[in-house]
Amino acid sequence: MDGKTVRGSRTRTTVAISLLATMAHSGEVLAQRQVADKSNEIPSFAPLLNGVNLTHA
């Protein structure tokens, strides 16, 4: 899991876009979700994992 702010996404009228992603050990991105403005990554953690098949993990 890692959160990043998208470089160049901020304008004069909008805030920067923040993303939270889950990755496999091989480096492939398994799921990605935008983090709500004025929030942190914690509330986005569970909904992000809902889209990932964790069977036998």
N, C-alpha and C. Protein backbone atom coordinates (compact mmCIF):
# COMPACT_ATOMS: atom_id res chain seq x y z
N MET A 1 0.85 -1.16 0.00
CA MET A 1 0.00 0.00 0.00
C MET A 1 0.90 1.23 0.00
N ASP A 2 0.51 2.17 -0.82
CA ASP A 2 1.26 3.41 -0.86
C ASP A 2 0.35 4.51 -1.38
N GLY A 3 0.49 5.70 -0.87
CA GLY A 3 -0.26 6.85 -1.32
C GLY A 3 0.66 7.86 -1.97
N LYS A 4 0.20 8.45 -3.04
CA LYS A 4 0.98 9.45 -3.76
C LYS A 4 0.06 10.57 -4.25
N THR A 5 0.61 11.75 -4.37
CA THR A 5 -0.08 12.87 -4.98
C THR A 5 0.37 12.98 -6.42
N VAL A 6 -0.59 13.10 -7.34
CA VAL A 6 -0.27 13.13 -8.76
C VAL A 6 0.37 14.47 -9.12
N ARG A 7 1.58 14.40 -9.57
CA ARG A 7 2.33 15.60 -9.91
C ARG A 7 1.66 16.34 -11.06
N GLY A 8 1.51 17.64 -10.91
CA GLY A 8 0.92 18.48 -11.95
C GLY A 8 -0.60 18.48 -11.96
N SER A 9 -1.24 17.81 -10.99
CA SER A 9 -2.70 17.73 -10.99
C SER A 9 -3.37 18.93 -10.31
N ARG A 10 -2.61 19.71 -9.58
CA ARG A 10 -3.18 20.88 -8.91
C ARG A 10 -3.25 22.06 -9.87
N THR A 11 -4.36 22.76 -9.85
CA THR A 11 -4.52 23.99 -10.63
C THR A 11 -4.91 25.12 -9.69
N ARG A 12 -5.16 26.27 -10.22
CA ARG A 12 -5.57 27.40 -9.39
C ARG A 12 -6.92 27.17 -8.74
N THR A 13 -7.77 26.36 -9.37
CA THR A 13 -9.13 26.16 -8.86
C THR A 13 -9.36 24.78 -8.25
N THR A 14 -8.43 23.85 -8.40
CA THR A 14 -8.62 22.50 -7.85
C THR A 14 -7.41 22.08 -7.02
N VAL A 15 -7.66 21.22 -6.05
CA VAL A 15 -6.56 20.69 -5.24
C VAL A 15 -5.91 19.52 -5.98
N ALA A 16 -4.74 19.15 -5.54
CA ALA A 16 -4.02 18.04 -6.16
C ALA A 16 -4.76 16.72 -5.93
N ILE A 17 -4.65 15.80 -6.87
CA ILE A 17 -5.27 14.49 -6.78
C ILE A 17 -4.34 13.56 -6.00
N SER A 18 -4.89 12.89 -5.00
CA SER A 18 -4.13 11.92 -4.21
C SER A 18 -4.66 10.53 -4.50
N LEU A 19 -3.76 9.57 -4.69
CA LEU A 19 -4.14 8.19 -5.00
C LEU A 19 -3.56 7.24 -3.97
N LEU A 20 -4.27 6.16 -3.71
CA LEU A 20 -3.82 5.09 -2.84
C LEU A 20 -3.79 3.83 -3.71
N ALA A 21 -2.70 3.08 -3.66
CA ALA A 21 -2.57 1.90 -4.49
C ALA A 21 -2.06 0.71 -3.69
N THR A 22 -2.45 -0.48 -4.13
CA THR A 22 -1.89 -1.72 -3.59
C THR A 22 -1.07 -2.35 -4.69
N MET A 23 0.07 -2.91 -4.32
CA MET A 23 0.96 -3.51 -5.31
C MET A 23 1.37 -4.90 -4.87
N ALA A 24 1.66 -5.74 -5.84
CA ALA A 24 2.21 -7.06 -5.58
C ALA A 24 3.71 -6.92 -5.38
N HIS A 25 4.34 -7.94 -4.84
CA HIS A 25 5.79 -7.90 -4.64
C HIS A 25 6.54 -7.75 -5.96
N SER A 26 5.92 -8.18 -7.04
CA SER A 26 6.55 -8.06 -8.36
C SER A 26 6.48 -6.64 -8.91
N GLY A 27 5.69 -5.76 -8.25
CA GLY A 27 5.61 -4.37 -8.67
C GLY A 27 4.36 -4.00 -9.43
N GLU A 28 3.53 -4.99 -9.78
CA GLU A 28 2.31 -4.67 -10.51
C GLU A 28 1.26 -4.06 -9.57
N VAL A 29 0.51 -3.08 -10.07
CA VAL A 29 -0.54 -2.42 -9.29
C VAL A 29 -1.79 -3.29 -9.34
N LEU A 30 -2.28 -3.70 -8.18
CA LEU A 30 -3.47 -4.55 -8.10
C LEU A 30 -4.76 -3.75 -8.04
N ALA A 31 -4.71 -2.60 -7.39
CA ALA A 31 -5.88 -1.73 -7.27
C ALA A 31 -5.40 -0.32 -6.97
N GLN A 32 -6.22 0.65 -7.40
CA GLN A 32 -5.87 2.04 -7.17
C GLN A 32 -7.16 2.81 -6.93
N ARG A 33 -7.12 3.78 -6.02
CA ARG A 33 -8.31 4.54 -5.66
C ARG A 33 -7.92 5.97 -5.33
N GLN A 34 -8.78 6.91 -5.72
CA GLN A 34 -8.53 8.31 -5.39
C GLN A 34 -8.93 8.56 -3.95
N VAL A 35 -8.10 9.26 -3.21
CA VAL A 35 -8.37 9.63 -1.82
C VAL A 35 -9.16 10.93 -1.84
N ALA A 36 -10.21 11.00 -1.03
CA ALA A 36 -11.06 12.19 -0.99
C ALA A 36 -10.27 13.41 -0.54
N ASP A 37 -10.67 14.56 -1.06
CA ASP A 37 -10.06 15.82 -0.64
C ASP A 37 -10.26 16.01 0.86
N LYS A 38 -9.32 16.66 1.51
CA LYS A 38 -9.39 16.95 2.94
C LYS A 38 -9.47 15.67 3.78
N SER A 39 -8.88 14.61 3.31
CA SER A 39 -8.91 13.34 4.03
C SER A 39 -7.50 12.75 4.02
N ASN A 40 -7.36 11.61 4.66
CA ASN A 40 -6.11 10.89 4.58
C ASN A 40 -6.37 9.51 3.98
N GLU A 41 -5.38 8.66 3.95
CA GLU A 41 -5.49 7.37 3.27
C GLU A 41 -6.29 6.34 4.06
N ILE A 42 -6.42 6.49 5.36
CA ILE A 42 -7.03 5.45 6.19
C ILE A 42 -8.47 5.13 5.79
N PRO A 43 -9.37 6.11 5.57
CA PRO A 43 -10.74 5.77 5.16
C PRO A 43 -10.82 5.09 3.79
N SER A 44 -9.83 5.26 2.95
CA SER A 44 -9.83 4.67 1.61
C SER A 44 -9.27 3.25 1.58
N PHE A 45 -8.70 2.81 2.69
CA PHE A 45 -8.03 1.51 2.74
C PHE A 45 -8.98 0.34 2.51
N ALA A 46 -10.07 0.24 3.28
CA ALA A 46 -11.01 -0.87 3.16
C ALA A 46 -11.71 -0.90 1.80
N PRO A 47 -12.25 0.23 1.30
CA PRO A 47 -12.89 0.18 -0.03
C PRO A 47 -11.91 -0.22 -1.14
N LEU A 48 -10.65 0.12 -0.99
CA LEU A 48 -9.65 -0.26 -1.99
C LEU A 48 -9.50 -1.77 -2.04
N LEU A 49 -9.47 -2.40 -0.88
CA LEU A 49 -9.30 -3.85 -0.82
C LEU A 49 -10.53 -4.62 -1.26
N ASN A 50 -11.71 -3.99 -1.26
CA ASN A 50 -12.93 -4.66 -1.73
C ASN A 50 -12.81 -5.11 -3.18
N GLY A 51 -12.02 -4.43 -3.97
CA GLY A 51 -11.86 -4.78 -5.38
C GLY A 51 -10.73 -5.77 -5.64
N VAL A 52 -10.05 -6.24 -4.59
CA VAL A 52 -8.92 -7.15 -4.76
C VAL A 52 -9.32 -8.54 -4.26
N ASN A 53 -9.05 -9.56 -5.07
CA ASN A 53 -9.35 -10.93 -4.68
C ASN A 53 -8.25 -11.41 -3.73
N LEU A 54 -8.61 -11.59 -2.47
CA LEU A 54 -7.64 -12.00 -1.46
C LEU A 54 -7.78 -13.47 -1.07
N THR A 55 -8.45 -14.26 -1.91
CA THR A 55 -8.60 -15.68 -1.65
C THR A 55 -7.23 -16.34 -1.63
N HIS A 56 -6.98 -17.12 -0.61
CA HIS A 56 -5.71 -17.85 -0.43
C HIS A 56 -4.52 -16.91 -0.21
N ALA A 57 -4.80 -15.69 0.21
CA ALA A 57 -3.71 -14.73 0.46
C ALA A 57 -3.25 -14.80 1.90
